Amino acid sequence: MNDFRRYFIVLSTVGLLAAPSLATTPPPQERPEMTAIAAQIRVPDTHFQVDRRDVSVDGENAVLTRYERSDKRNSGLGGEHFSSILAANGRLKGFAHMSLDLSAKPLPSRARSEEIARAFLKEFAPDLLPRMRISWIEPHDESIRVNRRGREETVTLTGMKVKARNLTDGRWFWVIVGSDEKPMVFERDIVWVTFPGQRQTEKWLHDSWLAEHRMPPHSGLL
């Protein structure tokens, strides 16, 4: 079993889109309709589920699931989290692992980042590889809110972003490789509107976007 298979475990659900909110839903491992059929991300052992909701991604039904640290470190919107998007057909649309542990550390080279990204795609999105055209591989910053000695600070998480286009449909996708040489962000099927020059696809994995759009949390969990 390779490093990617150990880090990303293949799971999925039947009936997940119809599931009630987390507040009234038993933990996933206790639900009889949970059946392995497609792909979802394994959550870090340090995290537990805090929210799950039905969402729409470019008109396609999907499920957004969010996990935060069990020790409550930097919890809440803008803090540390692991979130995933799973389409109704079982396709992994993306995930984000925002962890303080990835900050202020050396990054892999461009060549190593491409190697890691390609290995990840081969395992979890092989349909993207045949007509993949890399646009660039560069450092990319994300930010999280952390609490240090009772004061809130913003910490930058930098990864190597391997940005590419699917020449089959013209949509964009990328893998951001963290300082631990594991993918920290994956997004696919991103629609870009040339005029006025902006992303059309919703940013469900981005806390800043959730805050901007005032997305109501389930049971106040976010």
C-alpha atoms as a PDB file:
ATOM      1  CA  MET A   1       0.000   0.000   0.000  1.00  0.00           C
ATOM      2  CA  ASN A   2       1.581   3.306  -1.082  1.00  0.00           C
ATOM      3  CA  ASP A   3       1.647   6.583   0.849  1.00  0.00           C
ATOM      4  CA  PHE A   4      -1.332   7.999  -1.027  1.00  0.00           C
ATOM      5  CA  ARG A   5      -3.475   4.934  -0.373  1.00  0.00           C
ATOM      6  CA  ARG A   6      -2.622   5.104   3.326  1.00  0.00           C
ATOM      7  CA  TYR A   7      -3.456   8.819   3.470  1.00  0.00           C
ATOM      8  CA  PHE A   8      -6.536   8.749   1.255  1.00  0.00           C
ATOM      9  CA  ILE A   9      -8.919   5.872   1.929  1.00  0.00           C
ATOM     10  CA  VAL A  10     -11.622   5.111  -0.635  1.00  0.00           C
ATOM     11  CA  LEU A  11     -15.103   5.334   0.836  1.00  0.00           C
ATOM     12  CA  SER A  12     -18.450   6.647  -0.279  1.00  0.00           C
ATOM     13  CA  THR A  13     -22.134   6.595   0.552  1.00  0.00           C
ATOM     14  CA  VAL A  14     -25.499   5.532  -0.729  1.00  0.00           C
ATOM     15  CA  GLY A  15     -28.286   7.963   0.114  1.00  0.00           C
ATOM     16  CA  LEU A  16     -25.925  10.592   1.460  1.00  0.00           C
ATOM     17  CA  LEU A  17     -27.607  13.429  -0.401  1.00  0.00           C
ATOM     18  CA  ALA A  18     -30.886  12.653   1.262  1.00  0.00           C
ATOM     19  CA  ALA A  19     -29.413  12.447   4.744  1.00  0.00           C
ATOM     20  CA  PRO A  20     -30.754  14.823   7.422  1.00  0.00           C
ATOM     21  CA  SER A  21     -28.463  17.342   9.109  1.00  0.00           C
ATOM     22  CA  LEU A  22     -25.708  16.228  11.420  1.00  0.00           C
ATOM     23  CA  ALA A  23     -27.685  17.338  14.440  1.00  0.00           C
ATOM     24  CA  THR A  24     -30.157  14.465  13.940  1.00  0.00           C
ATOM     25  CA  THR A  25     -27.921  11.962  12.126  1.00  0.00           C
ATOM     26  CA  PRO A  26     -25.960   9.180  13.869  1.00  0.00           C
ATOM     27  CA  PRO A  27     -22.219   9.027  13.198  1.00  0.00           C
ATOM     28  CA  PRO A  28     -21.471   7.731   9.678  1.00  0.00           C
ATOM     29  CA  GLN A  29     -20.052   4.435  10.920  1.00  0.00           C
ATOM     30  CA  GLU A  30     -23.417   3.642  12.513  1.00  0.00           C
ATOM     31  CA  ARG A  31     -25.570   4.306   9.463  1.00  0.00           C
ATOM     32  CA  PRO A  32     -26.610   1.123   7.607  1.00  0.00           C
ATOM     33  CA  GLU A  33     -26.832   2.876   4.213  1.00  0.00           C
ATOM     34  CA  MET A  34     -23.120   3.644   4.209  1.00  0.00           C
ATOM     35  CA  THR A  35     -21.712   1.453   1.442  1.00  0.00           C
ATOM     36  CA  ALA A  36     -18.311   1.635  -0.255  1.00  0.00           C
ATOM     37  CA  ILE A  37     -19.013   2.515  -3.898  1.00  0.00           C
ATOM     38  CA  ALA A  38     -16.762   5.385  -4.989  1.00  0.00           C
ATOM     39  CA  ALA A  39     -14.257   7.856  -3.599  1.00  0.00           C
ATOM     40  CA  GLN A  40     -14.007  10.063  -0.561  1.00  0.00           C
ATOM     41  CA  ILE A  41     -11.139  11.199   1.600  1.00  0.00           C
ATOM     42  CA  ARG A  42      -9.925   9.627   4.799  1.00  0.00           C
ATOM     43  CA  VAL A  43     -10.054  12.139   7.631  1.00  0.00           C
ATOM     44  CA  PRO A  44      -6.964  12.711   9.815  1.00  0.00           C
ATOM     45  CA  ASP A  45      -7.163  10.773  13.071  1.00  0.00           C
ATOM     46  CA  THR A  46      -7.018  14.064  14.971  1.00  0.00           C
ATOM     47  CA  HIS A  47     -10.344  15.265  13.508  1.00  0.00           C
ATOM     48  CA  PHE A  48     -14.067  14.608  13.942  1.00  0.00           C
ATOM     49  CA  GLN A  49     -17.058  15.537  11.837  1.00  0.00           C
ATOM     50  CA  VAL A  50     -18.742  18.828  12.702  1.00  0.00           C
ATOM     51  CA  ASP A  51     -20.983  19.458   9.699  1.00  0.00           C
ATOM     52  CA  ARG A  52     -22.440  17.871   6.586  1.00  0.00           C
ATOM     53  CA  ARG A  53     -24.758  19.566   4.112  1.00  0.00           C
ATOM     54  CA  ASP A  54     -26.218  19.225   0.633  1.00  0.00           C
ATOM     55  CA  VAL A  55     -24.771  21.777  -1.781  1.00  0.00           C
ATOM     56  CA  SER A  56     -24.814  22.561  -5.491  1.00  0.00           C
ATOM     57  CA  VAL A  57     -21.639  22.753  -7.587  1.00  0.00           C
ATOM     58  CA  ASP A  58     -22.293  24.285 -11.011  1.00  0.00           C
ATOM     59  CA  GLY A  59     -25.827  22.923 -10.777  1.00  0.00           C
ATOM     60  CA  GLU A  60     -24.704  19.440  -9.734  1.00  0.00           C
ATOM     61  CA  ASN A  61     -25.812  17.963  -6.413  1.00  0.00           C
ATOM     62  CA  ALA A  62     -22.997  17.275  -3.981  1.00  0.00           C
ATOM     63  CA  VAL A  63     -22.255  16.899  -0.279  1.00  0.00           C
ATOM     64  CA  LEU A  64     -19.896  19.129   1.688  1.00  0.00           C
ATOM     65  CA  THR A  65     -18.475  17.507   4.832  1.00  0.00           C
ATOM     66  CA  ARG A  66     -16.355  19.336   7.362  1.00  0.00           C
ATOM     67  CA  TYR A  67     -14.106  17.996  10.103  1.00  0.00           C
ATOM     68  CA  GLU A  68     -12.255  19.889  12.820  1.00  0.00           C
ATOM     69  CA  ARG A  69      -9.704  18.909  15.423  1.00  0.00           C
ATOM     70  CA  SER A  70     -10.938  16.874  18.370  1.00  0.00           C
ATOM     71  CA  ASP A  71      -8.900  19.024  20.747  1.00  0.00           C
ATOM     72  CA  LYS A  72     -10.772  22.127  19.445  1.00  0.00           C
ATOM     73  CA  ARG A  73      -7.528  23.797  18.398  1.00  0.00           C
ATOM     74  CA  ASN A  74      -8.360  26.752  16.149  1.00  0.00           C
ATOM     75  CA  SER A  75     -11.895  25.524  15.544  1.00  0.00           C
ATOM     76  CA  GLY A  76     -14.647  27.338  13.687  1.00  0.00           C
ATOM     77  CA  LEU A  77     -14.939  29.118  10.382  1.00  0.00           C
ATOM     78  CA  GLY A  78     -11.534  30.327   9.262  1.00  0.00           C
ATOM     79  CA  GLY A  79      -9.625  27.914  11.469  1.00  0.00           C
ATOM     80  CA  GLU A  80      -8.080  24.493  10.982  1.00  0.00           C
ATOM     81  CA  HIS A  81     -10.274  22.010   9.177  1.00  0.00           C
ATOM     82  CA  PHE A  82     -10.478  19.143   6.737  1.00  0.00           C
ATOM     83  CA  SER A  83     -13.341  19.485   4.233  1.00  0.00           C
ATOM     84  CA  SER A  84     -14.397  17.431   1.248  1.00  0.00           C
ATOM     85  CA  ILE A  85     -16.862  17.691  -1.626  1.00  0.00           C
ATOM     86  CA  LEU A  86     -18.403  14.515  -3.025  1.00  0.00           C
ATOM     87  CA  ALA A  87     -20.677  14.640  -6.081  1.00  0.00           C
ATOM     88  CA  ALA A  88     -23.910  12.674  -6.270  1.00  0.00           C
ATOM     89  CA  ASN A  89     -22.301  10.210  -8.687  1.00  0.00           C
ATOM     90  CA  GLY A  90     -19.547   9.455  -6.172  1.00  0.00           C
ATOM     91  CA  ARG A  91     -16.881  11.593  -7.839  1.00  0.00           C
ATOM     92  CA  LEU A  92     -14.489  13.371  -5.544  1.00  0.00           C
ATOM     93  CA  LYS A  93     -14.788  17.042  -6.502  1.00  0.00           C
ATOM     94  CA  GLY A  94     -12.231  18.292  -4.033  1.00  0.00           C
ATOM     95  CA  PHE A  95     -10.894  18.517  -0.517  1.00  0.00           C
ATOM     96  CA  ALA A  96      -8.910  20.933   1.633  1.00  0.00           C
ATOM     97  CA  HIS A  97      -6.695  20.173   4.606  1.00  0.00           C
ATOM     98  CA  MET A  98      -5.945  23.408   6.424  1.00  0.00           C
ATOM     99  CA  SER A  99      -3.517  22.595   9.226  1.00  0.00           C
ATOM    100  CA  LEU A 100      -1.216  24.762  11.316  1.00  0.00           C
ATOM    101  CA  ASP A 101       1.272  21.902  11.180  1.00  0.00           C
ATOM    102  CA  LEU A 102       1.928  22.746   7.507  1.00  0.00           C
ATOM    103  CA  SER A 103       3.044  26.324   8.096  1.00  0.00           C
ATOM    104  CA  ALA A 104       6.552  27.798   7.833  1.00  0.00           C
ATOM    105  CA  LYS A 105       8.250  24.695   6.448  1.00  0.00           C
ATOM    106  CA  PRO A 106      10.256  24.096   3.254  1.00  0.00           C
ATOM    107  CA  LEU A 107       8.276  23.168   0.153  1.00  0.00           C
ATOM    108  CA  PRO A 108       8.998  20.419  -2.355  1.00  0.00           C
ATOM    109  CA  SER A 109      10.532  21.404  -5.683  1.00  0.00           C
ATOM    110  CA  ARG A 110       8.400  21.980  -8.766  1.00  0.00           C
ATOM    111  CA  ALA A 111       9.480  18.640 -10.186  1.00  0.00           C
ATOM    112  CA  ARG A 112       8.670  16.808  -6.959  1.00  0.00           C
ATOM    113  CA  SER A 113       5.328  18.612  -6.659  1.00  0.00           C
ATOM    114  CA  GLU A 114       4.360  17.549 -10.170  1.00  0.00           C
ATOM    115  CA  GLU A 115       5.365  13.975  -9.369  1.00  0.00           C
ATOM    116  CA  ILE A 116       3.186  13.967  -6.241  1.00  0.00           C
ATOM    117  CA  ALA A 117       0.254  15.615  -8.044  1.00  0.00           C
ATOM    118  CA  ARG A 118       0.369  13.120 -10.909  1.00  0.00           C
ATOM    119  CA  ALA A 119       0.531  10.176  -8.519  1.00  0.00           C
ATOM    120  CA  PHE A 120      -2.485  11.528  -6.627  1.00  0.00           C
ATOM    121  CA  LEU A 121      -4.471  12.090  -9.829  1.00  0.00           C
ATOM    122  CA  LYS A 122      -3.630   8.621 -11.105  1.00  0.00           C
ATOM    123  CA  GLU A 123      -5.084   7.182  -7.920  1.00  0.00           C
ATOM    124  CA  PHE A 124      -8.114   9.435  -7.393  1.00  0.00           C
ATOM    125  CA  ALA A 125      -8.914  11.269 -10.650  1.00  0.00           C
ATOM    126  CA  PRO A 126      -7.392   9.227 -13.503  1.00  0.00           C
ATOM    127  CA  ASP A 127      -9.859  10.648 -16.013  1.00  0.00           C
ATOM    128  CA  LEU A 128      -8.048  14.001 -15.785  1.00  0.00           C
ATOM    129  CA  LEU A 129      -4.649  12.710 -16.882  1.00  0.00           C
ATOM    130  CA  PRO A 130      -5.045  11.894 -20.611  1.00  0.00           C
ATOM    131  CA  ARG A 131      -5.844  15.475 -21.638  1.00  0.00           C
ATOM    132  CA  MET A 132      -4.058  17.332 -18.868  1.00  0.00           C
ATOM    133  CA  ARG A 133      -2.096  20.475 -19.677  1.00  0.00           C
ATOM    134  CA  ILE A 134      -0.156  22.034 -16.808  1.00  0.00           C
ATOM    135  CA  SER A 135      -0.422  25.813 -16.768  1.00  0.00           C
ATOM    136  CA  TRP A 136       2.092  26.474 -13.982  1.00  0.00           C
ATOM    137  CA  ILE A 137       3.609  25.140 -10.776  1.00  0.00           C
ATOM    138  CA  GLU A 138       4.174  27.872  -8.215  1.00  0.00           C
ATOM    139  CA  PRO A 139       3.933  28.540  -4.466  1.00  0.00           C
ATOM    140  CA  HIS A 140       0.369  29.316  -3.401  1.00  0.00           C
ATOM    141  CA  ASP A 141      -0.769  30.872  -0.116  1.00  0.00           C
ATOM    142  CA  GLU A 142      -3.816  29.990   1.942  1.00  0.00           C
ATOM    143  CA  SER A 143      -4.531  31.455   5.376  1.00  0.00           C
ATOM    144  CA  ILE A 144      -6.074  30.270   8.614  1.00  0.00           C
ATOM    145  CA  ARG A 145      -7.053  31.975  11.841  1.00  0.00           C
ATOM    146  CA  VAL A 146      -5.243  30.720  14.938  1.00  0.00           C
ATOM    147  CA  ASN A 147      -5.378  31.563  18.623  1.00  0.00           C
ATOM    148  CA  ARG A 148      -2.060  32.100  20.354  1.00  0.00           C
ATOM    149  CA  ARG A 149      -1.955  33.017  24.030  1.00  0.00           C
ATOM    150  CA  GLY A 150      -5.488  34.345  23.845  1.00  0.00           C
ATOM    151  CA  ARG A 151      -4.924  36.472  20.750  1.00  0.00           C
ATOM    152  CA  GLU A 152      -6.145  35.747  17.238  1.00  0.00           C
ATOM    153  CA  GLU A 153      -3.583  35.758  14.451  1.00  0.00           C
ATOM    154  CA  THR A 154      -3.610  34.966  10.752  1.00  0.00           C
ATOM    155  CA  VAL A 155      -1.136  32.326   9.652  1.00  0.00           C
ATOM    156  CA  THR A 156      -0.196  31.697   6.038  1.00  0.00           C
ATOM    157  CA  LEU A 157      -0.062  28.142   4.747  1.00  0.00           C
ATOM    158  CA  THR A 158       2.011  27.868   1.587  1.00  0.00           C
ATOM    159  CA  GLY A 159       1.949  24.925  -0.783  1.00  0.00           C
ATOM    160  CA  MET A 160       3.126  24.200  -4.315  1.00  0.00           C
ATOM    161  CA  LYS A 161       0.152  24.560  -6.633  1.00  0.00           C
ATOM    162  CA  VAL A 162       0.121  22.381  -9.735  1.00  0.00           C
ATOM    163  CA  LYS A 163      -2.523  24.103 -11.846  1.00  0.00           C
ATOM    164  CA  ALA A 164      -3.764  22.378 -14.975  1.00  0.00           C
ATOM    165  CA  ARG A 165      -6.519  22.424 -17.562  1.00  0.00           C
ATOM    166  CA  ASN A 166      -8.579  19.506 -18.783  1.00  0.00           C
ATOM    167  CA  LEU A 167      -8.436  19.948 -22.557  1.00  0.00           C
ATOM    168  CA  THR A 168     -11.442  17.650 -22.964  1.00  0.00           C
ATOM    169  CA  ASP A 169     -13.903  20.122 -21.450  1.00  0.00           C
ATOM    170  CA  GLY A 170     -11.788  23.235 -20.849  1.00  0.00           C
ATOM    171  CA  ARG A 171     -12.280  23.144 -17.090  1.00  0.00           C
ATOM    172  CA  TRP A 172      -9.487  23.734 -14.592  1.00  0.00           C
ATOM    173  CA  PHE A 173      -8.145  21.572 -11.789  1.00  0.00           C
ATOM    174  CA  TRP A 174      -5.240  21.666  -9.390  1.00  0.00           C
ATOM    175  CA  VAL A 175      -3.404  19.894  -6.634  1.00  0.00           C
ATOM    176  CA  ILE A 176      -1.664  21.943  -3.953  1.00  0.00           C
ATOM    177  CA  VAL A 177       1.158  19.974  -2.365  1.00  0.00           C
ATOM    178  CA  GLY A 178       1.990  20.804   1.231  1.00  0.00           C
ATOM    179  CA  SER A 179       5.295  20.927   3.053  1.00  0.00           C
ATOM    180  CA  ASP A 180       4.763  17.303   4.156  1.00  0.00           C
ATOM    181  CA  GLU A 181       4.771  16.270   0.471  1.00  0.00           C
ATOM    182  CA  LYS A 182       1.109  15.302   0.591  1.00  0.00           C
ATOM    183  CA  PRO A 183      -1.740  17.008  -1.289  1.00  0.00           C
ATOM    184  CA  MET A 184      -3.313  19.618   0.987  1.00  0.00           C
ATOM    185  CA  VAL A 185      -5.893  20.879  -1.547  1.00  0.00           C
ATOM    186  CA  PHE A 186      -7.504  19.311  -4.590  1.00  0.00           C
ATOM    187  CA  GLU A 187     -10.175  20.936  -6.739  1.00  0.00           C
ATOM    188  CA  ARG A 188     -11.479  19.823 -10.109  1.00  0.00           C
ATOM    189  CA  ASP A 189     -14.006  20.820 -12.793  1.00  0.00           C
ATOM    190  CA  ILE A 190     -13.569  24.526 -12.078  1.00  0.00           C
ATOM    191  CA  VAL A 191     -15.442  26.703 -14.557  1.00  0.00           C
ATOM    192  CA  TRP A 192     -13.745  30.015 -15.372  1.00  0.00           C
ATOM    193  CA  VAL A 193     -15.703  32.772 -17.067  1.00  0.00           C
ATOM    194  CA  THR A 194     -13.336  34.674 -19.368  1.00  0.00           C
ATOM    195  CA  PHE A 195     -15.465  37.800 -19.263  1.00  0.00           C
ATOM    196  CA  PRO A 196     -15.585  39.394 -16.739  1.00  0.00           C
ATOM    197  CA  GLY A 197     -12.688  37.132 -15.758  1.00  0.00           C
ATOM    198  CA  GLN A 198     -13.803  35.265 -12.654  1.00  0.00           C
ATOM    199  CA  ARG A 199     -14.448  31.841 -11.267  1.00  0.00           C
ATOM    200  CA  GLN A 200     -18.005  30.608 -11.719  1.00  0.00           C
ATOM    201  CA  THR A 201     -17.752  27.424  -9.662  1.00  0.00           C
ATOM    202  CA  GLU A 202     -18.741  27.820  -6.032  1.00  0.00           C
ATOM    203  CA  LYS A 203     -15.920  27.830  -3.451  1.00  0.00           C
ATOM    204  CA  TRP A 204     -17.395  25.486  -0.883  1.00  0.00           C
ATOM    205  CA  LEU A 205     -13.954  24.470   0.413  1.00  0.00           C
ATOM    206  CA  HIS A 206     -12.916  28.074   1.113  1.00  0.00           C
ATOM    207  CA  ASP A 207     -13.902  29.509   4.506  1.00  0.00           C
ATOM    208  CA  SER A 208     -13.499  33.089   3.287  1.00  0.00           C
ATOM    209  CA  TRP A 209     -16.105  32.409   0.588  1.00  0.00           C
ATOM    210  CA  LEU A 210     -18.467  30.778   3.095  1.00  0.00           C
ATOM    211  CA  ALA A 211     -18.158  33.801   5.357  1.00  0.00           C
ATOM    212  CA  GLU A 212     -18.640  36.240   2.478  1.00  0.00           C
ATOM    213  CA  HIS A 213     -21.812  34.485   1.376  1.00  0.00           C
ATOM    214  CA  ARG A 214     -23.052  34.118   4.955  1.00  0.00           C
ATOM    215  CA  MET A 215     -23.709  30.417   4.560  1.00  0.00           C
ATOM    216  CA  PRO A 216     -25.820  29.365   7.529  1.00  0.00           C
ATOM    217  CA  PRO A 217     -24.174  26.577   9.554  1.00  0.00           C
ATOM    218  CA  HIS A 218     -26.033  23.466  10.614  1.00  0.00           C
ATOM    219  CA  SER A 219     -26.855  23.699  14.309  1.00  0.00           C
ATOM    220  CA  GLY A 220     -24.197  26.385  14.765  1.00  0.00           C
ATOM    221  CA  LEU A 221     -21.427  23.888  14.209  1.00  0.00           C
ATOM    222  CA  LEU A 222     -19.370  25.959  11.779  1.00  0.00           C
END
